[in-house]
PDB file of N, CA and C in Angstrom:
ATOM      1  N   UNK A   1     140.985  45.241  81.488  1.00  0.00           N
ATOM      2  CA  UNK A   1     141.076  44.081  82.349  1.00  0.00           C
ATOM      3  C   UNK A   1     142.277  43.244  81.911  1.00  0.00           C
ATOM      4  N   UNK A   2     143.089  42.764  82.856  1.00  0.00           N
ATOM      5  CA  UNK A   2     144.246  41.953  82.511  1.00  0.00           C
ATOM      6  C   UNK A   2     143.817  40.643  81.861  1.00  0.00           C
ATOM      7  N   UNK A   3     144.600  40.176  80.876  1.00  0.00           N
ATOM      8  CA  UNK A   3     144.297  38.926  80.212  1.00  0.00           C
ATOM      9  C   UNK A   3     144.254  37.764  81.183  1.00  0.00           C
ATOM     10  N   UNK A   4     145.077  37.804  82.232  1.00  0.00           N
ATOM     11  CA  UNK A   4     145.174  36.683  83.160  1.00  0.00           C
ATOM     12  C   UNK A   4     143.842  36.356  83.820  1.00  0.00           C
ATOM     13  N   UNK A   5     142.975  37.346  83.974  1.00  0.00           N
ATOM     14  CA  UNK A   5     141.700  37.115  84.636  1.00  0.00           C
ATOM     15  C   UNK A   5     140.692  36.468  83.707  1.00  0.00           C
ATOM     16  N   UNK A   6     140.891  36.580  82.402  1.00  0.00           N
ATOM     17  CA  UNK A   6     139.888  36.153  81.450  1.00  0.00           C
ATOM     18  C   UNK A   6     140.164  34.788  80.837  1.00  0.00           C
ATOM     19  N   UNK A   7     141.201  34.102  81.274  1.00  0.00           N
ATOM     20  CA  UNK A   7     141.569  32.832  80.669  1.00  0.00           C
ATOM     21  C   UNK A   7     141.047  31.670  81.505  1.00  0.00           C
ATOM     22  N   UNK A   8     139.914  31.066  81.093  1.00  0.00           N
ATOM     23  CA  UNK A   8     139.334  29.964  81.868  1.00  0.00           C
ATOM     24  C   UNK A   8     140.306  28.799  82.003  1.00  0.00           C
ATOM     25  N   UNK A   9     140.390  28.256  83.203  1.00  0.00           N
ATOM     26  CA  UNK A   9     141.199  27.082  83.447  1.00  0.00           C
ATOM     27  C   UNK A   9     142.685  27.321  83.540  1.00  0.00           C
ATOM     28  N   UNK A  10     143.128  28.549  83.430  1.00  0.00           N
ATOM     29  CA  UNK A  10     144.564  28.833  83.468  1.00  0.00           C
ATOM     30  C   UNK A  10     145.083  28.657  84.880  1.00  0.00           C
ATOM     31  N   UNK A  11     146.204  27.934  84.998  1.00  0.00           N
ATOM     32  CA  UNK A  11     146.771  27.685  86.319  1.00  0.00           C
ATOM     33  C   UNK A  11     148.212  28.146  86.423  1.00  0.00           C
ATOM     34  N   UNK A  12     148.738  28.822  85.391  1.00  0.00           N
ATOM     35  CA  UNK A  12     150.116  29.299  85.434  1.00  0.00           C
ATOM     36  C   UNK A  12     150.269  30.376  86.503  1.00  0.00           C
ATOM     37  N   UNK A  13     151.505  30.548  86.964  1.00  0.00           N
ATOM     38  CA  UNK A  13     151.791  31.618  87.904  1.00  0.00           C
ATOM     39  C   UNK A  13     151.732  32.944  87.161  1.00  0.00           C
ATOM     40  N   UNK A  14     150.844  33.814  87.556  1.00  0.00           N
ATOM     41  CA  UNK A  14     150.701  35.134  86.972  1.00  0.00           C
ATOM     42  C   UNK A  14     150.535  36.146  88.088  1.00  0.00           C
ATOM     43  N   UNK A  15     150.943  37.381  87.818  1.00  0.00           N
ATOM     44  CA  UNK A  15     150.661  38.434  88.779  1.00  0.00           C
ATOM     45  C   UNK A  15     149.148  38.576  88.881  1.00  0.00           C
ATOM     46  N   UNK A  16     148.651  38.698  90.081  1.00  0.00           N
ATOM     47  CA  UNK A  16     147.213  38.778  90.288  1.00  0.00           C
ATOM     48  C   UNK A  16     146.892  40.131  90.911  1.00  0.00           C
ATOM     49  N   UNK A  17     145.981  40.841  90.288  1.00  0.00           N
ATOM     50  CA  UNK A  17     145.491  42.104  90.822  1.00  0.00           C
ATOM     51  C   UNK A  17     144.117  41.862  91.431  1.00  0.00           C
ATOM     52  N   UNK A  18     143.655  42.819  92.205  1.00  0.00           N
ATOM     53  CA  UNK A  18     142.293  42.703  92.728  1.00  0.00           C
ATOM     54  C   UNK A  18     141.284  42.686  91.587  1.00  0.00           C
ATOM     55  N   UNK A  19     141.557  43.461  90.548  1.00  0.00           N
ATOM     56  CA  UNK A  19     140.672  43.463  89.382  1.00  0.00           C
ATOM     57  C   UNK A  19     140.622  42.079  88.739  1.00  0.00           C
ATOM     58  N   UNK A  20     141.789  41.414  88.662  1.00  0.00           N
ATOM     59  CA  UNK A  20     141.839  40.068  88.084  1.00  0.00           C
ATOM     60  C   UNK A  20     141.096  39.063  88.954  1.00  0.00           C
ATOM     61  N   UNK A  21     141.225  39.194  90.267  1.00  0.00           N
ATOM     62  CA  UNK A  21     140.502  38.309  91.182  1.00  0.00           C
ATOM     63  C   UNK A  21     139.003  38.468  90.957  1.00  0.00           C
ATOM     64  N   UNK A  22     138.539  39.702  90.925  1.00  0.00           N
ATOM     65  CA  UNK A  22     137.107  39.923  90.727  1.00  0.00           C
ATOM     66  C   UNK A  22     136.638  39.378  89.380  1.00  0.00           C
ATOM     67  N   UNK A  23     137.422  39.602  88.343  1.00  0.00           N
ATOM     68  CA  UNK A  23     137.043  39.122  87.014  1.00  0.00           C
ATOM     69  C   UNK A  23     136.993  37.597  86.979  1.00  0.00           C
ATOM     70  N   UNK A  24     137.950  36.953  87.619  1.00  0.00           N
ATOM     71  CA  UNK A  24     137.991  35.484  87.630  1.00  0.00           C
ATOM     72  C   UNK A  24     136.798  34.916  88.380  1.00  0.00           C
ATOM     73  N   UNK A  25     136.497  35.488  89.531  1.00  0.00           N
ATOM     74  CA  UNK A  25     135.353  35.020  90.309  1.00  0.00           C
ATOM     75  C   UNK A  25     134.054  35.271  89.544  1.00  0.00           C
ATOM     76  N   UNK A  26     133.955  36.420  88.888  1.00  0.00           N
ATOM     77  CA  UNK A  26     132.774  36.732  88.079  1.00  0.00           C
ATOM     78  C   UNK A  26     132.619  35.710  86.953  1.00  0.00           C
ATOM     79  N   UNK A  27     133.731  35.374  86.281  1.00  0.00           N
ATOM     80  CA  UNK A  27     133.676  34.408  85.181  1.00  0.00           C
ATOM     81  C   UNK A  27     133.270  33.016  85.681  1.00  0.00           C
ATOM     82  N   UNK A  28     133.782  32.636  86.837  1.00  0.00           N
ATOM     83  CA  UNK A  28     133.483  31.312  87.379  1.00  0.00           C
ATOM     84  C   UNK A  28     132.064  31.200  87.935  1.00  0.00           C
ATOM     85  N   UNK A  29     131.634  32.213  88.694  1.00  0.00           N
ATOM     86  CA  UNK A  29     130.422  32.063  89.495  1.00  0.00           C
ATOM     87  C   UNK A  29     129.413  33.207  89.379  1.00  0.00           C
ATOM     88  N   UNK A  30     129.643  34.162  88.491  1.00  0.00           N
ATOM     89  CA  UNK A  30     128.828  35.381  88.448  1.00  0.00           C
ATOM     90  C   UNK A  30     127.336  35.168  88.404  1.00  0.00           C
ATOM     91  N   UNK A  31     126.871  34.287  87.547  1.00  0.00           N
ATOM     92  CA  UNK A  31     125.431  34.051  87.405  1.00  0.00           C
ATOM     93  C   UNK A  31     124.849  33.442  88.686  1.00  0.00           C
ATOM     94  N   UNK A  32     125.538  32.454  89.205  1.00  0.00           N
ATOM     95  CA  UNK A  32     125.109  31.797  90.442  1.00  0.00           C
ATOM     96  C   UNK A  32     125.108  32.799  91.611  1.00  0.00           C
ATOM     97  N   UNK A  33     126.150  33.621  91.676  1.00  0.00           N
ATOM     98  CA  UNK A  33     126.266  34.605  92.757  1.00  0.00           C
ATOM     99  C   UNK A  33     125.142  35.633  92.693  1.00  0.00           C
ATOM    100  N   UNK A  34     124.829  36.095  91.489  1.00  0.00           N
ATOM    101  CA  UNK A  34     123.765  37.092  91.330  1.00  0.00           C
ATOM    102  C   UNK A  34     122.425  36.543  91.810  1.00  0.00           C
ATOM    103  N   UNK A  35     122.169  35.269  91.537  1.00  0.00           N
ATOM    104  CA  UNK A  35     120.916  34.646  91.975  1.00  0.00           C
ATOM    105  C   UNK A  35     120.855  34.510  93.492  1.00  0.00           C
ATOM    106  N   UNK A  36     122.014  34.238  94.118  1.00  0.00           N
ATOM    107  CA  UNK A  36     122.063  34.069  95.576  1.00  0.00           C
ATOM    108  C   UNK A  36     121.841  35.398  96.281  1.00  0.00           C
ATOM    109  N   UNK A  37     122.405  36.464  95.731  1.00  0.00           N
ATOM    110  CA  UNK A  37     122.234  37.797  96.296  1.00  0.00           C
ATOM    111  C   UNK A  37     123.178  38.095  97.451  1.00  0.00           C
ATOM    112  N   UNK A  38     123.084  39.329  97.921  1.00  0.00           N
ATOM    113  CA  UNK A  38     123.964  39.824  98.988  1.00  0.00           C
ATOM    114  C   UNK A  38     123.788  39.051 100.290  1.00  0.00           C
ATOM    115  N   UNK A  39     122.560  38.858 100.740  1.00  0.00           N
ATOM    116  CA  UNK A  39     122.352  38.231 102.050  1.00  0.00           C
ATOM    117  C   UNK A  39     122.909  36.812 102.107  1.00  0.00           C
ATOM    118  N   UNK A  40     122.576  35.989 101.128  1.00  0.00           N
ATOM    119  CA  UNK A  40     123.094  34.622 101.104  1.00  0.00           C
ATOM    120  C   UNK A  40     124.598  34.576 100.941  1.00  0.00           C
ATOM    121  N   UNK A  41     125.110  35.467 100.109  1.00  0.00           N
ATOM    122  CA  UNK A  41     126.548  35.516  99.880  1.00  0.00           C
ATOM    123  C   UNK A  41     127.289  35.970 101.125  1.00  0.00           C
ATOM    124  N   UNK A  42     126.729  36.929 101.838  1.00  0.00           N
ATOM    125  CA  UNK A  42     127.377  37.395 103.058  1.00  0.00           C
ATOM    126  C   UNK A  42     127.483  36.265 104.081  1.00  0.00           C
ATOM    127  N   UNK A  43     126.483  35.425 104.170  1.00  0.00           N
ATOM    128  CA  UNK A  43     126.545  34.285 105.092  1.00  0.00           C
ATOM    129  C   UNK A  43     127.681  33.334 104.718  1.00  0.00           C
ATOM    130  N   UNK A  44     127.848  33.051 103.415  1.00  0.00           N
ATOM    131  CA  UNK A  44     128.958  32.209 102.974  1.00  0.00           C
ATOM    132  C   UNK A  44     130.294  32.873 103.295  1.00  0.00           C
ATOM    133  N   UNK A  45     130.389  34.185 103.062  1.00  0.00           N
ATOM    134  CA  UNK A  45     131.615  34.931 103.367  1.00  0.00           C
ATOM    135  C   UNK A  45     131.966  34.788 104.851  1.00  0.00           C
ATOM    136  N   UNK A  46     130.988  34.984 105.714  1.00  0.00           N
ATOM    137  CA  UNK A  46     131.247  34.889 107.155  1.00  0.00           C
ATOM    138  C   UNK A  46     131.644  33.475 107.563  1.00  0.00           C
ATOM    139  N   UNK A  47     131.075  32.471 106.922  1.00  0.00           N
ATOM    140  CA  UNK A  47     131.475  31.094 107.215  1.00  0.00           C
ATOM    141  C   UNK A  47     132.951  30.899 106.873  1.00  0.00           C
ATOM    142  N   UNK A  48     133.373  31.440 105.734  1.00  0.00           N
ATOM    143  CA  UNK A  48     134.778  31.328 105.342  1.00  0.00           C
ATOM    144  C   UNK A  48     135.695  32.099 106.286  1.00  0.00           C
ATOM    145  N   UNK A  49     135.256  33.274 106.748  1.00  0.00           N
ATOM    146  CA  UNK A  49     136.046  34.028 107.730  1.00  0.00           C
ATOM    147  C   UNK A  49     136.193  33.195 109.002  1.00  0.00           C
ATOM    148  N   UNK A  50     135.137  32.525 109.411  1.00  0.00           N
ATOM    149  CA  UNK A  50     135.197  31.654 110.585  1.00  0.00           C
ATOM    150  C   UNK A  50     136.170  30.501 110.395  1.00  0.00           C
ATOM    151  N   UNK A  51     136.172  29.913 109.202  1.00  0.00           N
ATOM    152  CA  UNK A  51     137.109  28.822 108.925  1.00  0.00           C
ATOM    153  C   UNK A  51     138.553  29.327 108.937  1.00  0.00           C
ATOM    154  N   UNK A  52     138.766  30.532 108.421  1.00  0.00           N
ATOM    155  CA  UNK A  52     140.101  31.126 108.470  1.00  0.00           C
ATOM    156  C   UNK A  52     140.517  31.364 109.916  1.00  0.00           C
ATOM    157  N   UNK A  53     139.615  31.908 110.724  1.00  0.00           N
ATOM    158  CA  UNK A  53     139.920  32.157 112.135  1.00  0.00           C
ATOM    159  C   UNK A  53     140.283  30.850 112.843  1.00  0.00           C
ATOM    160  N   UNK A  54     139.529  29.814 112.575  1.00  0.00           N
ATOM    161  CA  UNK A  54     139.822  28.518 113.197  1.00  0.00           C
ATOM    162  C   UNK A  54     141.187  28.005 112.779  1.00  0.00           C
ATOM    163  N   UNK A  55     141.503  28.143 111.505  1.00  0.00           N
ATOM    164  CA  UNK A  55     142.800  27.695 111.014  1.00  0.00           C
ATOM    165  C   UNK A  55     143.949  28.462 111.624  1.00  0.00           C
ATOM    166  N   UNK A  56     143.777  29.764 111.766  1.00  0.00           N
ATOM    167  CA  UNK A  56     144.832  30.590 112.360  1.00  0.00           C
ATOM    168  C   UNK A  56     145.026  30.278 113.834  1.00  0.00           C
ATOM    169  N   UNK A  57     143.936  30.076 114.553  1.00  0.00           N
ATOM    170  CA  UNK A  57     144.016  29.792 115.986  1.00  0.00           C
ATOM    171  C   UNK A  57     144.382  28.353 116.270  1.00  0.00           C
ATOM    172  N   UNK A  58     143.964  27.451 115.374  1.00  0.00           N
ATOM    173  CA  UNK A  58     144.129  26.029 115.632  1.00  0.00           C
ATOM    174  C   UNK A  58     145.455  25.456 115.198  1.00  0.00           C
ATOM    175  N   UNK A  59     146.300  26.270 114.624  1.00  0.00           N
ATOM    176  CA  UNK A  59     147.608  25.771 114.223  1.00  0.00           C
ATOM    177  C   UNK A  59     147.579  24.900 112.986  1.00  0.00           C
ATOM    178  N   UNK A  60     146.580  25.099 112.113  1.00  0.00           N
ATOM    179  CA  UNK A  60     146.549  24.332 110.863  1.00  0.00           C
ATOM    180  C   UNK A  60     147.832  24.572 110.084  1.00  0.00           C
ATOM    181  N   UNK A  61     148.173  23.635 109.217  1.00  0.00           N
ATOM    182  CA  UNK A  61     149.383  23.795 108.415  1.00  0.00           C
ATOM    183  C   UNK A  61     149.200  24.966 107.445  1.00  0.00           C
ATOM    184  N   UNK A  62     150.311  25.473 106.962  1.00  0.00           N
ATOM    185  CA  UNK A  62     150.313  26.675 106.131  1.00  0.00           C
ATOM    186  C   UNK A  62     149.471  26.499 104.875  1.00  0.00           C
ATOM    187  N   UNK A  63     149.528  25.346 104.248  1.00  0.00           N
ATOM    188  CA  UNK A  63     148.759  25.112 103.019  1.00  0.00           C
ATOM    189  C   UNK A  63     147.260  25.210 103.287  1.00  0.00           C
ATOM    190  N   UNK A  64     146.802  24.660 104.395  1.00  0.00           N
ATOM    191  CA  UNK A  64     145.374  24.710 104.755  1.00  0.00           C
ATOM    192  C   UNK A  64     144.958  26.150 105.029  1.00  0.00           C
ATOM    193  N   UNK A  65     145.760  26.882 105.774  1.00  0.00           N
ATOM    194  CA  UNK A  65     145.439  28.283 106.075  1.00  0.00           C
ATOM    195  C   UNK A  65     145.451  29.119 104.793  1.00  0.00           C
ATOM    196  N   UNK A  66     146.393  28.837 103.899  1.00  0.00           N
ATOM    197  CA  UNK A  66     146.456  29.567 102.625  1.00  0.00           C
ATOM    198  C   UNK A  66     145.168  29.362 101.825  1.00  0.00           C
ATOM    199  N   UNK A  67     144.638  28.154 101.848  1.00  0.00           N
ATOM    200  CA  UNK A  67     143.377  27.868 101.157  1.00  0.00           C
ATOM    201  C   UNK A  67     142.237  28.677 101.754  1.00  0.00           C
ATOM    202  N   UNK A  68     142.232  28.804 103.066  1.00  0.00           N
ATOM    203  CA  UNK A  68     141.178  29.596 103.717  1.00  0.00           C
ATOM    204  C   UNK A  68     141.305  31.084 103.361  1.00  0.00           C
ATOM    205  N   UNK A  69     142.539  31.595 103.298  1.00  0.00           N
ATOM    206  CA  UNK A  69     142.735  32.976 102.853  1.00  0.00           C
ATOM    207  C   UNK A  69     142.171  33.160 101.443  1.00  0.00           C
ATOM    208  N   UNK A  70     142.457  32.201 100.556  1.00  0.00           N
ATOM    209  CA  UNK A  70     141.954  32.283  99.181  1.00  0.00           C
ATOM    210  C   UNK A  70     140.431  32.274  99.151  1.00  0.00           C
ATOM    211  N   UNK A  71     139.817  31.442  99.983  1.00  0.00           N
ATOM    212  CA  UNK A  71     138.359  31.384 100.044  1.00  0.00           C
ATOM    213  C   UNK A  71     137.768  32.718 100.516  1.00  0.00           C
ATOM    214  N   UNK A  72     138.371  33.299 101.540  1.00  0.00           N
ATOM    215  CA  UNK A  72     137.882  34.585 102.050  1.00  0.00           C
ATOM    216  C   UNK A  72     137.988  35.657 100.963  1.00  0.00           C
ATOM    217  N   UNK A  73     139.121  35.688 100.261  1.00  0.00           N
ATOM    218  CA  UNK A  73     139.288  36.666  99.188  1.00  0.00           C
ATOM    219  C   UNK A  73     138.252  36.442  98.083  1.00  0.00           C
ATOM    220  N   UNK A  74     138.007  35.185  97.727  1.00  0.00           N
ATOM    221  CA  UNK A  74     137.032  34.879  96.677  1.00  0.00           C
ATOM    222  C   UNK A  74     135.632  35.340  97.070  1.00  0.00           C
ATOM    223  N   UNK A  75     135.234  35.084  98.302  1.00  0.00           N
ATOM    224  CA  UNK A  75     133.894  35.496  98.737  1.00  0.00           C
ATOM    225  C   UNK A  75     133.803  37.006  98.901  1.00  0.00           C
ATOM    226  N   UNK A  76     134.895  37.663  99.288  1.00  0.00           N
ATOM    227  CA  UNK A  76     134.911  39.123  99.334  1.00  0.00           C
ATOM    228  C   UNK A  76     134.734  39.685  97.924  1.00  0.00           C
ATOM    229  N   UNK A  77     135.438  39.090  96.956  1.00  0.00           N
ATOM    230  CA  UNK A  77     135.293  39.516  95.562  1.00  0.00           C
ATOM    231  C   UNK A  77     133.866  39.295  95.073  1.00  0.00           C
ATOM    232  N   UNK A  78     133.257  38.192  95.484  1.00  0.00           N
ATOM    233  CA  UNK A  78     131.871  37.915  95.108  1.00  0.00           C
ATOM    234  C   UNK A  78     130.944  39.002  95.639  1.00  0.00           C
ATOM    235  N   UNK A  79     131.097  39.348  96.895  1.00  0.00           N
ATOM    236  CA  UNK A  79     130.268  40.417  97.472  1.00  0.00           C
ATOM    237  C   UNK A  79     130.459  41.735  96.721  1.00  0.00           C
ATOM    238  N   UNK A  80     131.712  42.064  96.433  1.00  0.00           N
ATOM    239  CA  UNK A  80     131.991  43.297  95.703  1.00  0.00           C
ATOM    240  C   UNK A  80     131.371  43.246  94.311  1.00  0.00           C
ATOM    241  N   UNK A  81     131.470  42.113  93.641  1.00  0.00           N
ATOM    242  CA  UNK A  81     130.867  41.977  92.320  1.00  0.00           C
ATOM    243  C   UNK A  81     129.359  42.197  92.362  1.00  0.00           C
ATOM    244  N   UNK A  82     128.697  41.546  93.305  1.00  0.00           N
ATOM    245  CA  UNK A  82     127.243  41.670  93.413  1.00  0.00           C
ATOM    246  C   UNK A  82     126.854  43.125  93.678  1.00  0.00           C
ATOM    247  N   UNK A  83     127.631  43.795  94.503  1.00  0.00           N
ATOM    248  CA  UNK A  83     127.337  45.180  94.903  1.00  0.00           C
ATOM    249  C   UNK A  83     127.831  46.209  93.887  1.00  0.00           C
ATOM    250  N   UNK A  84     128.628  45.769  92.914  1.00  0.00           N
ATOM    251  CA  UNK A  84     129.137  46.684  91.895  1.00  0.00           C
ATOM    252  C   UNK A  84     130.304  47.537  92.361  1.00  0.00           C
ATOM    253  N   UNK A  85     131.100  46.992  93.271  1.00  0.00           N
ATOM    254  CA  UNK A  85     132.262  47.699  93.817  1.00  0.00           C
ATOM    255  C   UNK A  85     133.533  47.169  93.160  1.00  0.00           C
ATOM    256  N   UNK A  86     134.385  48.081  92.692  1.00  0.00           N
ATOM    257  CA  UNK A  86     135.696  47.725  92.156  1.00  0.00           C
ATOM    258  C   UNK A  86     136.666  47.720  93.336  1.00  0.00           C
ATOM    259  N   UNK A  87     137.080  46.524  93.770  1.00  0.00           N
ATOM    260  CA  UNK A  87     137.944  46.412  94.943  1.00  0.00           C
ATOM    261  C   UNK A  87     139.272  47.132  94.760  1.00  0.00           C
ATOM    262  N   UNK A  88     139.853  47.043  93.586  1.00  0.00           N
ATOM    263  CA  UNK A  88     141.122  47.719  93.329  1.00  0.00           C
ATOM    264  C   UNK A  88     140.993  49.221  93.497  1.00  0.00           C
ATOM    265  N   UNK A  89     139.950  49.795  92.912  1.00  0.00           N
ATOM    266  CA  UNK A  89     139.723  51.239  93.023  1.00  0.00           C
ATOM    267  C   UNK A  89     139.439  51.636  94.471  1.00  0.00           C
ATOM    268  N   UNK A  90     138.648  50.827  95.165  1.00  0.00           N
ATOM    269  CA  UNK A  90     138.322  51.134  96.562  1.00  0.00           C
ATOM    270  C   UNK A  90     139.580  51.093  97.430  1.00  0.00           C
ATOM    271  N   UNK A  91     140.437  50.097  97.191  1.00  0.00           N
ATOM    272  CA  UNK A  91     141.672  49.980  97.960  1.00  0.00           C
ATOM    273  C   UNK A  91     142.596  51.158  97.693  1.00  0.00           C
ATOM    274  N   UNK A  92     142.758  51.491  96.413  1.00  0.00           N
ATOM    275  CA  UNK A  92     143.619  52.631  96.067  1.00  0.00           C
ATOM    276  C   UNK A  92     143.087  53.923  96.670  1.00  0.00           C
ATOM    277  N   UNK A  93     141.788  54.109  96.660  1.00  0.00           N
ATOM    278  CA  UNK A  93     141.178  55.319  97.208  1.00  0.00           C
ATOM    279  C   UNK A  93     141.461  55.450  98.707  1.00  0.00           C
ATOM    280  N   UNK A  94     141.356  54.341  99.428  1.00  0.00           N
ATOM    281  CA  UNK A  94     141.529  54.405 100.878  1.00  0.00           C
ATOM    282  C   UNK A  94     142.990  54.346 101.315  1.00  0.00           C
ATOM    283  N   UNK A  95     143.810  53.507 100.668  1.00  0.00           N
ATOM    284  CA  UNK A  95     145.168  53.263 101.154  1.00  0.00           C
ATOM    285  C   UNK A  95     146.277  53.706 100.200  1.00  0.00           C
ATOM    286  N   UNK A  96     145.924  54.224  99.048  1.00  0.00           N
ATOM    287  CA  UNK A  96     146.908  54.546  98.025  1.00  0.00           C
ATOM    288  C   UNK A  96     147.878  55.658  98.373  1.00  0.00           C
ATOM    289  N   UNK A  97     147.475  56.577  99.227  1.00  0.00           N
ATOM    290  CA  UNK A  97     148.344  57.703  99.584  1.00  0.00           C
ATOM    291  C   UNK A  97     148.985  57.547 100.955  1.00  0.00           C
ATOM    292  N   UNK A  98     148.807  56.403 101.577  1.00  0.00           N
ATOM    293  CA  UNK A  98     149.358  56.161 102.903  1.00  0.00           C
ATOM    294  C   UNK A  98     148.264  55.762 103.871  1.00  0.00           C
ATOM    295  N   UNK A  99     148.613  55.736 105.127  1.00  0.00           N
ATOM    296  CA  UNK A  99     147.662  55.384 106.182  1.00  0.00           C
ATOM    297  C   UNK A  99     146.476  56.345 106.132  1.00  0.00           C
ATOM    298  N   UNK A 100     145.249  55.826 106.181  1.00  0.00           N
ATOM    299  CA  UNK A 100     144.096  56.722 106.160  1.00  0.00           C
ATOM    300  C   UNK A 100     143.978  57.582 107.428  1.00  0.00           C
ATOM    301  N   UNK A 101     144.660  57.181 108.492  1.00  0.00           N
ATOM    302  CA  UNK A 101     144.612  57.957 109.733  1.00  0.00           C
ATOM    303  C   UNK A 101     145.622  59.087 109.761  1.00  0.00           C
ATOM    304  N   UNK A 102     146.887  58.755 109.485  1.00  0.00           N
ATOM    305  CA  UNK A 102     147.953  59.755 109.598  1.00  0.00           C
ATOM    306  C   UNK A 102     148.514  60.194 108.251  1.00  0.00           C
ATOM    307  N   UNK A 103     148.186  59.453 107.189  1.00  0.00           N
ATOM    308  CA  UNK A 103     148.667  59.797 105.858  1.00  0.00           C
ATOM    309  C   UNK A 103     150.098  59.384 105.577  1.00  0.00           C
ATOM    310  N   UNK A 104     150.730  58.665 106.486  1.00  0.00           N
ATOM    311  CA  UNK A 104     152.134  58.313 106.312  1.00  0.00           C
ATOM    312  C   UNK A 104     152.319  56.851 105.912  1.00  0.00           C
ATOM    313  N   UNK A 105     153.486  56.584 105.327  1.00  0.00           N
ATOM    314  CA  UNK A 105     153.918  55.221 104.999  1.00  0.00           C
ATOM    315  C   UNK A 105     155.320  55.033 105.541  1.00  0.00           C
ATOM    316  N   UNK A 106     155.560  54.168 106.504  1.00  0.00           N
ATOM    317  CA  UNK A 106     154.561  53.346 107.205  1.00  0.00           C
ATOM    318  C   UNK A 106     153.729  54.189 108.167  1.00  0.00           C
ATOM    319  N   UNK A 107     152.654  53.594 108.613  1.00  0.00           N
ATOM    320  CA  UNK A 107     151.732  54.256 109.534  1.00  0.00           C
ATOM    321  C   UNK A 107     152.460  54.690 110.801  1.00  0.00           C
ATOM    322  N   UNK A 108     152.157  55.924 111.236  1.00  0.00           N
ATOM    323  CA  UNK A 108     152.750  56.459 112.458  1.00  0.00           C
ATOM    324  C   UNK A 108     151.693  56.682 113.542  1.00  0.00           C
ATOM    325  N   UNK A 109     150.508  56.129 113.343  1.00  0.00           N
ATOM    326  CA  UNK A 109     149.451  56.260 114.337  1.00  0.00           C
ATOM    327  C   UNK A 109     149.850  55.516 115.619  1.00  0.00           C
ATOM    328  N   UNK A 110     149.381  55.968 116.781  1.00  0.00           N
ATOM    329  CA  UNK A 110     149.643  55.215 118.011  1.00  0.00           C
ATOM    330  C   UNK A 110     149.127  53.787 117.892  1.00  0.00           C
ATOM    331  N   UNK A 111     149.810  52.823 118.484  1.00  0.00           N
ATOM    332  CA  UNK A 111     149.445  51.412 118.330  1.00  0.00           C
ATOM    333  C   UNK A 111     148.002  51.091 118.720  1.00  0.00           C
ATOM    334  N   UNK A 112     147.445  51.835 119.675  1.00  0.00           N
ATOM    335  CA  UNK A 112     146.082  51.550 120.131  1.00  0.00           C
ATOM    336  C   UNK A 112     145.011  52.083 119.175  1.00  0.00           C
ATOM    337  N   UNK A 113     145.403  52.889 118.196  1.00  0.00           N
ATOM    338  CA  UNK A 113     144.441  53.469 117.265  1.00  0.00           C
ATOM    339  C   UNK A 113     144.278  52.597 116.038  1.00  0.00           C
ATOM    340  N   UNK A 114     143.064  52.496 115.573  1.00  0.00           N
ATOM    341  CA  UNK A 114     142.788  51.817 114.306  1.00  0.00           C
ATOM    342  C   UNK A 114     142.679  52.905 113.243  1.00  0.00           C
ATOM    343  N   UNK A 115     143.540  52.867 112.233  1.00  0.00           N
ATOM    344  CA  UNK A 115     143.481  53.922 111.214  1.00  0.00           C
ATOM    345  C   UNK A 115     142.209  53.848 110.384  1.00  0.00           C
TER     346      UNK A 115
END
């Protein structure tokens, strides 16, 4: 695990990996998140996705939208932590070799297709 994820209260600019995000969220909220469980956490995650959608559609300033992106990522990491999923490994498995649909980088799938 990168040191950057394990340093409580650190606010310096550091490279952030998905593993570091998960570790930081676990350090901050792990016990509380485990007690809430998947169902309660999923509701919070969806609320944050809704706030992000509103910010994107409503023309909120960039700083406000950036905060909503951070919240969505944090709640996604929380869900993964509770479920025991390593987001970095999952991402590499699905997208590490190229588009999951066509296998190319950049994706060459027809625009109407979801890879």
